[in-house]
Amino acid sequence: VQLVESGGGLVQAGGSLRLSCVASGSIFSIRDMGWDRQAPGKEREPVASITRGGDTDYVDSVKGRFTISRDNVNNTLYLEMNRLKPEDTARYYCVATAGLTGQNEYWGQGTQVTVFS
């Protein structure tokens, strides 16, 4: 499975961005997908996840501002980010689990999101 992210950029606080992640390869084996982020000097943290059936979960700090969705036909994952804050600045990574039990995990190269006040 290969994952390629896009959509990051520089945005003023309060603004919006939409991240995309296109999956290719053994896409039939993909189960859950999600977005993680890592800010400089900090641990990588899960931001949002979505099952193949569409169930979603979010870290508390983004609830009500971010929306994750997936298009299983076009093998694309999205993250709509609204009311962005400087603390959302990080590199955002697309993540996918695959295999019969989701035992395999794949990561993209990431896309940078920078929010300035």
PDB file of N, CA and C in Angstrom:
ATOM      1  N   VAL A   1       0.846  -1.187   0.000  1.00  0.00           N
ATOM      2  CA  VAL A   1       0.000   0.000   0.000  1.00  0.00           C
ATOM      3  C   VAL A   1       0.887   1.245   0.000  1.00  0.00           C
ATOM      4  N   GLN A   2       0.593   2.147  -0.911  1.00  0.00           N
ATOM      5  CA  GLN A   2       1.302   3.437  -0.956  1.00  0.00           C
ATOM      6  C   GLN A   2       0.296   4.545  -0.670  1.00  0.00           C
ATOM      7  N   LEU A   3       0.746   5.525   0.102  1.00  0.00           N
ATOM      8  CA  LEU A   3      -0.116   6.629   0.506  1.00  0.00           C
ATOM      9  C   LEU A   3       0.571   7.942   0.154  1.00  0.00           C
ATOM     10  N   VAL A   4      -0.138   8.820  -0.523  1.00  0.00           N
ATOM     11  CA  VAL A   4       0.428  10.108  -0.921  1.00  0.00           C
ATOM     12  C   VAL A   4      -0.512  11.226  -0.459  1.00  0.00           C
ATOM     13  N   GLU A   5       0.014  12.081   0.417  1.00  0.00           N
ATOM     14  CA  GLU A   5      -0.775  13.187   0.959  1.00  0.00           C
ATOM     15  C   GLU A   5      -0.577  14.460   0.132  1.00  0.00           C
ATOM     16  N   SER A   6      -1.562  15.337   0.221  1.00  0.00           N
ATOM     17  CA  SER A   6      -1.480  16.659  -0.386  1.00  0.00           C
ATOM     18  C   SER A   6      -2.425  17.589   0.357  1.00  0.00           C
ATOM     19  N   GLY A   7      -2.271  18.882   0.098  1.00  0.00           N
ATOM     20  CA  GLY A   7      -3.214  19.846   0.654  1.00  0.00           C
ATOM     21  C   GLY A   7      -2.699  20.678   1.802  1.00  0.00           C
ATOM     22  N   GLY A   8      -1.506  20.389   2.286  1.00  0.00           N
ATOM     23  CA  GLY A   8      -0.965  21.200   3.365  1.00  0.00           C
ATOM     24  C   GLY A   8      -0.589  22.583   2.872  1.00  0.00           C
ATOM     25  N   GLY A   9      -0.219  23.453   3.818  1.00  0.00           N
ATOM     26  CA  GLY A   9       0.178  24.784   3.436  1.00  0.00           C
ATOM     27  C   GLY A   9       0.256  25.721   4.611  1.00  0.00           C
ATOM     28  N   LEU A  10       0.356  27.012   4.294  1.00  0.00           N
ATOM     29  CA  LEU A  10       0.449  28.077   5.288  1.00  0.00           C
ATOM     30  C   LEU A  10      -0.896  28.784   5.359  1.00  0.00           C
ATOM     31  N   VAL A  11      -1.445  28.906   6.564  1.00  0.00           N
ATOM     32  CA  VAL A  11      -2.773  29.502   6.705  1.00  0.00           C
ATOM     33  C   VAL A  11      -2.834  30.318   7.986  1.00  0.00           C
ATOM     34  N   GLN A  12      -3.607  31.371   7.948  1.00  0.00           N
ATOM     35  CA  GLN A  12      -3.777  32.204   9.131  1.00  0.00           C
ATOM     36  C   GLN A  12      -4.725  31.521  10.108  1.00  0.00           C
ATOM     37  N   ALA A  13      -4.517  31.775  11.386  1.00  0.00           N
ATOM     38  CA  ALA A  13      -5.393  31.211  12.414  1.00  0.00           C
ATOM     39  C   ALA A  13      -6.846  31.563  12.105  1.00  0.00           C
ATOM     40  N   GLY A  14      -7.714  30.577  12.289  1.00  0.00           N
ATOM     41  CA  GLY A  14      -9.119  30.748  11.962  1.00  0.00           C
ATOM     42  C   GLY A  14      -9.476  30.278  10.567  1.00  0.00           C
ATOM     43  N   GLY A  15      -8.458  30.020   9.770  1.00  0.00           N
ATOM     44  CA  GLY A  15      -8.683  29.581   8.407  1.00  0.00           C
ATOM     45  C   GLY A  15      -8.914  28.088   8.290  1.00  0.00           C
ATOM     46  N   SER A  16      -8.969  27.613   7.056  1.00  0.00           N
ATOM     47  CA  SER A  16      -9.286  26.206   6.782  1.00  0.00           C
ATOM     48  C   SER A  16      -8.325  25.623   5.757  1.00  0.00           C
ATOM     49  N   LEU A  17      -8.146  24.323   5.859  1.00  0.00           N
ATOM     50  CA  LEU A  17      -7.395  23.553   4.872  1.00  0.00           C
ATOM     51  C   LEU A  17      -8.062  22.203   4.713  1.00  0.00           C
ATOM     52  N   ARG A  18      -7.879  21.610   3.538  1.00  0.00           N
ATOM     53  CA  ARG A  18      -8.383  20.254   3.307  1.00  0.00           C
ATOM     54  C   ARG A  18      -7.229  19.384   2.845  1.00  0.00           C
ATOM     55  N   LEU A  19      -6.914  18.367   3.642  1.00  0.00           N
ATOM     56  CA  LEU A  19      -5.875  17.419   3.286  1.00  0.00           C
ATOM     57  C   LEU A  19      -6.485  16.245   2.541  1.00  0.00           C
ATOM     58  N   SER A  20      -5.722  15.705   1.601  1.00  0.00           N
ATOM     59  CA  SER A  20      -6.140  14.523   0.862  1.00  0.00           C
ATOM     60  C   SER A  20      -5.039  13.478   0.918  1.00  0.00           C
ATOM     61  N   CYS A  21      -5.419  12.230   0.825  1.00  0.00           N
ATOM     62  CA  CYS A  21      -4.475  11.118   0.803  1.00  0.00           C
ATOM     63  C   CYS A  21      -4.998  10.083  -0.179  1.00  0.00           C
ATOM     64  N   VAL A  22      -4.208   9.835  -1.211  1.00  0.00           N
ATOM     65  CA  VAL A  22      -4.599   8.846  -2.216  1.00  0.00           C
ATOM     66  C   VAL A  22      -3.842   7.552  -1.954  1.00  0.00           C
ATOM     67  N   ALA A  23      -4.573   6.465  -1.874  1.00  0.00           N
ATOM     68  CA  ALA A  23      -3.986   5.147  -1.646  1.00  0.00           C
ATOM     69  C   ALA A  23      -3.886   4.394  -2.953  1.00  0.00           C
ATOM     70  N   SER A  24      -2.807   3.630  -3.083  1.00  0.00           N
ATOM     71  CA  SER A  24      -2.629   2.781  -4.254  1.00  0.00           C
ATOM     72  C   SER A  24      -1.967   1.487  -3.821  1.00  0.00           C
ATOM     73  N   GLY A  25      -1.881   0.544  -4.741  1.00  0.00           N
ATOM     74  CA  GLY A  25      -1.296  -0.747  -4.402  1.00  0.00           C
ATOM     75  C   GLY A  25      -2.379  -1.732  -3.991  1.00  0.00           C
ATOM     76  N   SER A  26      -2.164  -2.429  -2.903  1.00  0.00           N
ATOM     77  CA  SER A  26      -3.106  -3.451  -2.425  1.00  0.00           C
ATOM     78  C   SER A  26      -4.258  -2.812  -1.655  1.00  0.00           C
ATOM     79  N   ILE A  27      -4.983  -1.966  -2.334  1.00  0.00           N
ATOM     80  CA  ILE A  27      -6.027  -1.178  -1.676  1.00  0.00           C
ATOM     81  C   ILE A  27      -7.175  -2.036  -1.169  1.00  0.00           C
ATOM     82  N   PHE A  28      -7.358  -3.211  -1.758  1.00  0.00           N
ATOM     83  CA  PHE A  28      -8.448  -4.086  -1.329  1.00  0.00           C
ATOM     84  C   PHE A  28      -8.246  -4.554   0.104  1.00  0.00           C
ATOM     85  N   SER A  29      -7.016  -4.505   0.582  1.00  0.00           N
ATOM     86  CA  SER A  29      -6.708  -5.003   1.924  1.00  0.00           C
ATOM     87  C   SER A  29      -6.795  -3.923   3.004  1.00  0.00           C
ATOM     88  N   ILE A  30      -7.041  -2.681   2.603  1.00  0.00           N
ATOM     89  CA  ILE A  30      -7.062  -1.578   3.573  1.00  0.00           C
ATOM     90  C   ILE A  30      -8.281  -1.675   4.466  1.00  0.00           C
ATOM     91  N   ARG A  31      -8.087  -1.500   5.750  1.00  0.00           N
ATOM     92  CA  ARG A  31      -9.180  -1.504   6.720  1.00  0.00           C
ATOM     93  C   ARG A  31      -9.385  -0.081   7.253  1.00  0.00           C
ATOM     94  N   ASP A  32      -8.839   0.233   8.382  1.00  0.00           N
ATOM     95  CA  ASP A  32      -8.987   1.573   8.953  1.00  0.00           C
ATOM     96  C   ASP A  32      -7.983   2.537   8.326  1.00  0.00           C
ATOM     97  N   MET A  33      -8.340   3.819   8.295  1.00  0.00           N
ATOM     98  CA  MET A  33      -7.428   4.860   7.845  1.00  0.00           C
ATOM     99  C   MET A  33      -7.502   6.018   8.832  1.00  0.00           C
ATOM    100  N   GLY A  34      -6.494   6.854   8.782  1.00  0.00           N
ATOM    101  CA  GLY A  34      -6.500   7.975   9.713  1.00  0.00           C
ATOM    102  C   GLY A  34      -5.420   8.990   9.399  1.00  0.00           C
ATOM    103  N   TRP A  35      -5.407  10.012  10.213  1.00  0.00           N
ATOM    104  CA  TRP A  35      -4.395  11.067  10.135  1.00  0.00           C
ATOM    105  C   TRP A  35      -3.703  11.183  11.486  1.00  0.00           C
ATOM    106  N   ASP A  36      -2.387  11.178  11.451  1.00  0.00           N
ATOM    107  CA  ASP A  36      -1.577  11.485  12.620  1.00  0.00           C
ATOM    108  C   ASP A  36      -0.853  12.799  12.334  1.00  0.00           C
ATOM    109  N   ARG A  37      -0.324  13.412  13.365  1.00  0.00           N
ATOM    110  CA  ARG A  37       0.485  14.608  13.166  1.00  0.00           C
ATOM    111  C   ARG A  37       1.648  14.622  14.137  1.00  0.00           C
ATOM    112  N   GLN A  38       2.687  15.326  13.738  1.00  0.00           N
ATOM    113  CA  GLN A  38       3.849  15.466  14.604  1.00  0.00           C
ATOM    114  C   GLN A  38       4.390  16.880  14.491  1.00  0.00           C
ATOM    115  N   ALA A  39       4.412  17.567  15.611  1.00  0.00           N
ATOM    116  CA  ALA A  39       4.981  18.907  15.679  1.00  0.00           C
ATOM    117  C   ALA A  39       6.440  18.801  16.099  1.00  0.00           C
ATOM    118  N   PRO A  40       7.254  19.798  15.772  1.00  0.00           N
ATOM    119  CA  PRO A  40       8.671  19.754  16.149  1.00  0.00           C
ATOM    120  C   PRO A  40       8.838  19.574  17.653  1.00  0.00           C
ATOM    121  N   GLY A  41       9.658  18.606  18.025  1.00  0.00           N
ATOM    122  CA  GLY A  41       9.940  18.365  19.429  1.00  0.00           C
ATOM    123  C   GLY A  41       8.850  17.649  20.187  1.00  0.00           C
ATOM    124  N   LYS A  42       7.830  17.197  19.478  1.00  0.00           N
ATOM    125  CA  LYS A  42       6.730  16.514  20.144  1.00  0.00           C
ATOM    126  C   LYS A  42       6.549  15.109  19.583  1.00  0.00           C
ATOM    127  N   GLU A  43       5.840  14.289  20.351  1.00  0.00           N
ATOM    128  CA  GLU A  43       5.520  12.933  19.910  1.00  0.00           C
ATOM    129  C   GLU A  43       4.470  12.981  18.804  1.00  0.00           C
ATOM    130  N   ARG A  44       4.501  11.986  17.953  1.00  0.00           N
ATOM    131  CA  ARG A  44       3.451  11.862  16.949  1.00  0.00           C
ATOM    132  C   ARG A  44       2.153  11.495  17.660  1.00  0.00           C
ATOM    133  N   GLU A  45       1.052  12.128  17.255  1.00  0.00           N
ATOM    134  CA  GLU A  45      -0.230  11.822  17.886  1.00  0.00           C
ATOM    135  C   GLU A  45      -1.300  11.538  16.845  1.00  0.00           C
ATOM    136  N   PRO A  46      -2.174  10.593  17.133  1.00  0.00           N
ATOM    137  CA  PRO A  46      -3.321  10.353  16.256  1.00  0.00           C
ATOM    138  C   PRO A  46      -4.281  11.543  16.333  1.00  0.00           C
ATOM    139  N   VAL A  47      -4.769  11.975  15.195  1.00  0.00           N
ATOM    140  CA  VAL A  47      -5.680  13.108  15.141  1.00  0.00           C
ATOM    141  C   VAL A  47      -7.111  12.647  14.870  1.00  0.00           C
ATOM    142  N   ALA A  48      -7.259  11.779  13.879  1.00  0.00           N
ATOM    143  CA  ALA A  48      -8.587  11.314  13.500  1.00  0.00           C
ATOM    144  C   ALA A  48      -8.454   9.968  12.808  1.00  0.00           C
ATOM    145  N   SER A  49      -9.492   9.163  12.928  1.00  0.00           N
ATOM    146  CA  SER A  49      -9.485   7.864  12.263  1.00  0.00           C
ATOM    147  C   SER A  49     -10.880   7.549  11.747  1.00  0.00           C
ATOM    148  N   ILE A  50     -10.922   6.645  10.782  1.00  0.00           N
ATOM    149  CA  ILE A  50     -12.198   6.250  10.188  1.00  0.00           C
ATOM    150  C   ILE A  50     -12.102   4.795   9.756  1.00  0.00           C
ATOM    151  N   THR A  51     -13.128   4.022  10.100  1.00  0.00           N
ATOM    152  CA  THR A  51     -13.155   2.633   9.698  1.00  0.00           C
ATOM    153  C   THR A  51     -13.638   2.524   8.252  1.00  0.00           C
ATOM    154  N   ARG A  52     -13.542   1.327   7.695  1.00  0.00           N
ATOM    155  CA  ARG A  52     -14.020   1.137   6.335  1.00  0.00           C
ATOM    156  C   ARG A  52     -15.530   1.395   6.255  1.00  0.00           C
ATOM    157  N   GLY A  53     -16.195   1.144   7.369  1.00  0.00           N
ATOM    158  CA  GLY A  53     -17.641   1.364   7.408  1.00  0.00           C
ATOM    159  C   GLY A  53     -18.042   2.797   7.693  1.00  0.00           C
ATOM    160  N   GLY A  54     -17.060   3.648   8.010  1.00  0.00           N
ATOM    161  CA  GLY A  54     -17.362   5.056   8.200  1.00  0.00           C
ATOM    162  C   GLY A  54     -17.431   5.545   9.633  1.00  0.00           C
ATOM    163  N   ASP A  55     -17.154   4.690  10.599  1.00  0.00           N
ATOM    164  CA  ASP A  55     -17.130   5.143  11.992  1.00  0.00           C
ATOM    165  C   ASP A  55     -15.883   5.991  12.218  1.00  0.00           C
ATOM    166  N   THR A  56     -16.056   7.117  12.895  1.00  0.00           N
ATOM    167  CA  THR A  56     -14.954   8.062  13.073  1.00  0.00           C
ATOM    168  C   THR A  56     -14.600   8.276  14.537  1.00  0.00           C
ATOM    169  N   ASP A  57     -13.391   8.750  14.755  1.00  0.00           N
ATOM    170  CA  ASP A  57     -12.923   9.079  16.101  1.00  0.00           C
ATOM    171  C   ASP A  57     -11.934  10.230  15.965  1.00  0.00           C
ATOM    172  N   TYR A  58     -11.911  11.101  16.975  1.00  0.00           N
ATOM    173  CA  TYR A  58     -11.054  12.284  16.939  1.00  0.00           C
ATOM    174  C   TYR A  58     -10.368  12.493  18.285  1.00  0.00           C
ATOM    175  N   VAL A  59      -9.192  13.064  18.247  1.00  0.00           N
ATOM    176  CA  VAL A  59      -8.560  13.513  19.483  1.00  0.00           C
ATOM    177  C   VAL A  59      -9.359  14.717  19.979  1.00  0.00           C
ATOM    178  N   ASP A  60      -9.441  14.873  21.277  1.00  0.00           N
ATOM    179  CA  ASP A  60     -10.303  15.917  21.854  1.00  0.00           C
ATOM    180  C   ASP A  60      -9.989  17.310  21.315  1.00  0.00           C
ATOM    181  N   SER A  61      -8.730  17.602  21.066  1.00  0.00           N
ATOM    182  CA  SER A  61      -8.327  18.961  20.688  1.00  0.00           C
ATOM    183  C   SER A  61      -8.849  19.395  19.316  1.00  0.00           C
ATOM    184  N   VAL A  62      -9.322  18.453  18.502  1.00  0.00           N
ATOM    185  CA  VAL A  62      -9.809  18.819  17.161  1.00  0.00           C
ATOM    186  C   VAL A  62     -11.298  18.566  16.988  1.00  0.00           C
ATOM    187  N   LYS A  63     -11.934  18.002  17.991  1.00  0.00           N
ATOM    188  CA  LYS A  63     -13.372  17.708  17.878  1.00  0.00           C
ATOM    189  C   LYS A  63     -14.152  18.992  17.621  1.00  0.00           C
ATOM    190  N   GLY A  64     -15.057  18.920  16.657  1.00  0.00           N
ATOM    191  CA  GLY A  64     -15.856  20.081  16.300  1.00  0.00           C
ATOM    192  C   GLY A  64     -15.190  20.988  15.276  1.00  0.00           C
ATOM    193  N   ARG A  65     -13.908  20.764  15.004  1.00  0.00           N
ATOM    194  CA  ARG A  65     -13.191  21.596  14.021  1.00  0.00           C
ATOM    195  C   ARG A  65     -12.734  20.797  12.806  1.00  0.00           C
ATOM    196  N   PHE A  66     -12.344  19.544  13.022  1.00  0.00           N
ATOM    197  CA  PHE A  66     -11.848  18.694  11.937  1.00  0.00           C
ATOM    198  C   PHE A  66     -12.887  17.633  11.588  1.00  0.00           C
ATOM    199  N   THR A  67     -12.923  17.262  10.316  1.00  0.00           N
ATOM    200  CA  THR A  67     -13.802  16.192   9.861  1.00  0.00           C
ATOM    201  C   THR A  67     -13.023  15.255   8.951  1.00  0.00           C
ATOM    202  N   ILE A  68     -13.023  13.981   9.297  1.00  0.00           N
ATOM    203  CA  ILE A  68     -12.368  12.974   8.467  1.00  0.00           C
ATOM    204  C   ILE A  68     -13.413  12.255   7.629  1.00  0.00           C
ATOM    205  N   SER A  69     -13.051  11.943   6.400  1.00  0.00           N
ATOM    206  CA  SER A  69     -13.958  11.200   5.523  1.00  0.00           C
ATOM    207  C   SER A  69     -13.123  10.388   4.543  1.00  0.00           C
ATOM    208  N   ARG A  70     -13.759   9.402   3.942  1.00  0.00           N
ATOM    209  CA  ARG A  70     -13.048   8.578   2.964  1.00  0.00           C
ATOM    210  C   ARG A  70     -13.956   8.234   1.802  1.00  0.00           C
ATOM    211  N   ASP A  71     -13.360   8.147   0.640  1.00  0.00           N
ATOM    212  CA  ASP A  71     -14.056   7.759  -0.584  1.00  0.00           C
ATOM    213  C   ASP A  71     -13.463   6.422  -0.986  1.00  0.00           C
ATOM    214  N   ASN A  72     -14.170   5.353  -0.656  1.00  0.00           N
ATOM    215  CA  ASN A  72     -13.646   4.012  -0.929  1.00  0.00           C
ATOM    216  C   ASN A  72     -13.622   3.690  -2.411  1.00  0.00           C
ATOM    217  N   VAL A  73     -14.417   4.372  -3.197  1.00  0.00           N
ATOM    218  CA  VAL A  73     -14.416   4.127  -4.644  1.00  0.00           C
ATOM    219  C   VAL A  73     -13.140   4.685  -5.269  1.00  0.00           C
ATOM    220  N   ASN A  74     -12.767   5.895  -4.845  1.00  0.00           N
ATOM    221  CA  ASN A  74     -11.578   6.547  -5.397  1.00  0.00           C
ATOM    222  C   ASN A  74     -10.354   6.402  -4.511  1.00  0.00           C
ATOM    223  N   ASN A  75     -10.491   5.593  -3.449  1.00  0.00           N
ATOM    224  CA  ASN A  75      -9.346   5.273  -2.581  1.00  0.00           C
ATOM    225  C   ASN A  75      -8.679   6.526  -2.030  1.00  0.00           C
ATOM    226  N   THR A  76      -9.496   7.441  -1.574  1.00  0.00           N
ATOM    227  CA  THR A  76      -8.980   8.714  -1.086  1.00  0.00           C
ATOM    228  C   THR A  76      -9.507   9.007   0.317  1.00  0.00           C
ATOM    229  N   LEU A  77      -8.617   9.482   1.149  1.00  0.00           N
ATOM    230  CA  LEU A  77      -8.941   9.893   2.515  1.00  0.00           C
ATOM    231  C   LEU A  77      -8.820  11.412   2.590  1.00  0.00           C
ATOM    232  N   TYR A  78      -9.722  12.031   3.359  1.00  0.00           N
ATOM    233  CA  TYR A  78      -9.718  13.485   3.484  1.00  0.00           C
ATOM    234  C   TYR A  78      -9.674  13.882   4.960  1.00  0.00           C
ATOM    235  N   LEU A  79      -9.157  15.088   5.179  1.00  0.00           N
ATOM    236  CA  LEU A  79      -9.272  15.711   6.492  1.00  0.00           C
ATOM    237  C   LEU A  79      -9.606  17.180   6.267  1.00  0.00           C
ATOM    238  N   GLU A  80     -10.838  17.539   6.588  1.00  0.00           N
ATOM    239  CA  GLU A  80     -11.271  18.921   6.501  1.00  0.00           C
ATOM    240  C   GLU A  80     -10.948  19.589   7.830  1.00  0.00           C
ATOM    241  N   MET A  81     -10.137  20.632   7.787  1.00  0.00           N
ATOM    242  CA  MET A  81      -9.702  21.298   9.011  1.00  0.00           C
ATOM    243  C   MET A  81     -10.195  22.740   9.011  1.00  0.00           C
ATOM    244  N   ASN A  82     -11.037  23.071   9.970  1.00  0.00           N
ATOM    245  CA  ASN A  82     -11.599  24.414  10.094  1.00  0.00           C
ATOM    246  C   ASN A  82     -11.171  25.060  11.407  1.00  0.00           C
ATOM    247  N   ARG A  83     -11.298  26.376  11.465  1.00  0.00           N
ATOM    248  CA  ARG A  83     -10.941  27.144  12.675  1.00  0.00           C
ATOM    249  C   ARG A  83      -9.562  26.717  13.167  1.00  0.00           C
ATOM    250  N   LEU A  84      -8.621  26.718  12.273  1.00  0.00           N
ATOM    251  CA  LEU A  84      -7.269  26.264  12.603  1.00  0.00           C
ATOM    252  C   LEU A  84      -6.622  27.181  13.625  1.00  0.00           C
ATOM    253  N   LYS A  85      -5.783  26.563  14.461  1.00  0.00           N
ATOM    254  CA  LYS A  85      -5.083  27.265  15.514  1.00  0.00           C
ATOM    255  C   LYS A  85      -3.577  27.083  15.328  1.00  0.00           C
ATOM    256  N   PRO A  86      -2.765  27.995  15.863  1.00  0.00           N
ATOM    257  CA  PRO A  86      -1.311  27.813  15.744  1.00  0.00           C
ATOM    258  C   PRO A  86      -0.837  26.469  16.299  1.00  0.00           C
ATOM    259  N   GLU A  87      -1.508  25.964  17.324  1.00  0.00           N
ATOM    260  CA  GLU A  87      -1.107  24.675  17.901  1.00  0.00           C
ATOM    261  C   GLU A  87      -1.434  23.493  16.996  1.00  0.00           C
ATOM    262  N   ASP A  88      -2.141  23.729  15.889  1.00  0.00           N
ATOM    263  CA  ASP A  88      -2.364  22.675  14.900  1.00  0.00           C
ATOM    264  C   ASP A  88      -1.188  22.531  13.952  1.00  0.00           C
ATOM    265  N   THR A  89      -0.219  23.440  14.054  1.00  0.00           N
ATOM    266  CA  THR A  89       0.961  23.373  13.195  1.00  0.00           C
ATOM    267  C   THR A  89       1.707  22.072  13.429  1.00  0.00           C
ATOM    268  N   ALA A  90       1.908  21.311  12.346  1.00  0.00           N
ATOM    269  CA  ALA A  90       2.562  20.001  12.437  1.00  0.00           C
ATOM    270  C   ALA A  90       2.681  19.425  11.031  1.00  0.00           C
ATOM    271  N   ARG A  91       3.408  18.332  10.955  1.00  0.00           N
ATOM    272  CA  ARG A  91       3.400  17.558   9.728  1.00  0.00           C
ATOM    273  C   ARG A  91       2.320  16.492   9.896  1.00  0.00           C
ATOM    274  N   TYR A  92       1.426  16.405   8.942  1.00  0.00           N
ATOM    275  CA  TYR A  92       0.296  15.494   9.006  1.00  0.00           C
ATOM    276  C   TYR A  92       0.555  14.278   8.113  1.00  0.00           C
ATOM    277  N   TYR A  93       0.349  13.110   8.696  1.00  0.00           N
ATOM    278  CA  TYR A  93       0.625  11.857   8.006  1.00  0.00           C
ATOM    279  C   TYR A  93      -0.666  11.058   7.827  1.00  0.00           C
ATOM    280  N   CYS A  94      -0.818  10.510   6.646  1.00  0.00           N
ATOM    281  CA  CYS A  94      -1.902   9.585   6.362  1.00  0.00           C
ATOM    282  C   CYS A  94      -1.456   8.188   6.814  1.00  0.00           C
ATOM    283  N   VAL A  95      -2.359   7.474   7.463  1.00  0.00           N
ATOM    284  CA  VAL A  95      -2.055   6.149   8.002  1.00  0.00           C
ATOM    285  C   VAL A  95      -3.128   5.182   7.550  1.00  0.00           C
ATOM    286  N   ALA A  96      -2.722   3.968   7.234  1.00  0.00           N
ATOM    287  CA  ALA A  96      -3.694   2.942   6.857  1.00  0.00           C
ATOM    288  C   ALA A  96      -3.291   1.616   7.473  1.00  0.00           C
ATOM    289  N   THR A  97      -4.289   0.878   7.935  1.00  0.00           N
ATOM    290  CA  THR A  97      -4.040  -0.489   8.379  1.00  0.00           C
ATOM    291  C   THR A  97      -4.606  -1.424   7.326  1.00  0.00           C
ATOM    292  N   ALA A  98      -3.951  -2.548   7.138  1.00  0.00           N
ATOM    293  CA  ALA A  98      -4.357  -3.476   6.092  1.00  0.00           C
ATOM    294  C   ALA A  98      -4.112  -4.907   6.558  1.00  0.00           C
ATOM    295  N   GLY A  99      -4.662  -5.833   5.812  1.00  0.00           N
ATOM    296  CA  GLY A  99      -4.522  -7.238   6.158  1.00  0.00           C
ATOM    297  C   GLY A  99      -5.774  -7.745   6.837  1.00  0.00           C
ATOM    298  N   LEU A 100      -5.873  -9.060   6.974  1.00  0.00           N
ATOM    299  CA  LEU A 100      -7.081  -9.687   7.520  1.00  0.00           C
ATOM    300  C   LEU A 100      -7.426  -9.160   8.911  1.00  0.00           C
ATOM    301  N   THR A 101      -6.421  -8.900   9.704  1.00  0.00           N
ATOM    302  CA  THR A 101      -6.651  -8.407  11.061  1.00  0.00           C
ATOM    303  C   THR A 101      -6.109  -6.999  11.256  1.00  0.00           C
ATOM    304  N   GLY A 102      -5.830  -6.315  10.161  1.00  0.00           N
ATOM    305  CA  GLY A 102      -5.263  -4.979  10.269  1.00  0.00           C
ATOM    306  C   GLY A 102      -3.862  -4.981  10.828  1.00  0.00           C
ATOM    307  N   GLN A 103      -3.141  -6.063  10.625  1.00  0.00           N
ATOM    308  CA  GLN A 103      -1.836  -6.211  11.246  1.00  0.00           C
ATOM    309  C   GLN A 103      -0.748  -5.402  10.562  1.00  0.00           C
ATOM    310  N   ASN A 104      -0.997  -4.962   9.351  1.00  0.00           N
ATOM    311  CA  ASN A 104       0.006  -4.177   8.620  1.00  0.00           C
ATOM    312  C   ASN A 104      -0.361  -2.702   8.675  1.00  0.00           C
ATOM    313  N   GLU A 105       0.633  -1.867   8.903  1.00  0.00           N
ATOM    314  CA  GLU A 105       0.409  -0.427   8.991  1.00  0.00           C
ATOM    315  C   GLU A 105       1.293   0.284   7.971  1.00  0.00           C
ATOM    316  N   TYR A 106       0.683   1.264   7.308  1.00  0.00           N
ATOM    317  CA  TYR A 106       1.383   2.001   6.273  1.00  0.00           C
ATOM    318  C   TYR A 106       1.264   3.500   6.549  1.00  0.00           C
ATOM    319  N   TRP A 107       2.319   4.227   6.146  1.00  0.00           N
ATOM    320  CA  TRP A 107       2.371   5.664   6.360  1.00  0.00           C
ATOM    321  C   TRP A 107       2.735   6.386   5.065  1.00  0.00           C
ATOM    322  N   GLY A 108       2.205   7.587   4.900  1.00  0.00           N
ATOM    323  CA  GLY A 108       2.651   8.421   3.807  1.00  0.00           C
ATOM    324  C   GLY A 108       3.861   9.244   4.234  1.00  0.00           C
ATOM    325  N   GLN A 109       4.322  10.117   3.337  1.00  0.00           N
ATOM    326  CA  GLN A 109       5.479  10.957   3.629  1.00  0.00           C
ATOM    327  C   GLN A 109       5.100  12.198   4.428  1.00  0.00           C
ATOM    328  N   GLY A 110       3.827  12.505   4.462  1.00  0.00           N
ATOM    329  CA  GLY A 110       3.366  13.641   5.250  1.00  0.00           C
ATOM    330  C   GLY A 110       3.232  14.913   4.438  1.00  0.00           C
ATOM    331  N   THR A 111       2.430  15.821   4.965  1.00  0.00           N
ATOM    332  CA  THR A 111       2.264  17.140   4.371  1.00  0.00           C
ATOM    333  C   THR A 111       2.273  18.169   5.502  1.00  0.00           C
ATOM    334  N   GLN A 112       2.980  19.259   5.287  1.00  0.00           N
ATOM    335  CA  GLN A 112       3.168  20.245   6.351  1.00  0.00           C
ATOM    336  C   GLN A 112       2.004  21.221   6.430  1.00  0.00           C
ATOM    337  N   VAL A 113       1.519  21.430   7.641  1.00  0.00           N
ATOM    338  CA  VAL A 113       0.488  22.436   7.907  1.00  0.00           C
ATOM    339  C   VAL A 113       1.079  23.442   8.891  1.00  0.00           C
ATOM    340  N   THR A 114       1.080  24.705   8.506  1.00  0.00           N
ATOM    341  CA  THR A 114       1.599  25.756   9.367  1.00  0.00           C
ATOM    342  C   THR A 114       0.522  26.826   9.546  1.00  0.00           C
ATOM    343  N   VAL A 115       0.168  27.072  10.792  1.00  0.00           N
ATOM    344  CA  VAL A 115      -0.870  28.052  11.113  1.00  0.00           C
ATOM    345  C   VAL A 115      -0.226  29.211  11.857  1.00  0.00           C
ATOM    346  N   PHE A 116      -0.364  30.414  11.318  1.00  0.00           N
ATOM    347  CA  PHE A 116       0.230  31.587  11.954  1.00  0.00           C
ATOM    348  C   PHE A 116      -0.865  32.492  12.500  1.00  0.00           C
ATOM    349  N   SER A 117      -0.532  33.194  13.576  1.00  0.00           N
ATOM    350  CA  SER A 117      -1.514  34.078  14.224  1.00  0.00           C
ATOM    351  C   SER A 117      -1.328  35.526  13.793  1.00  0.00           C
TER     352      SER A 117
END
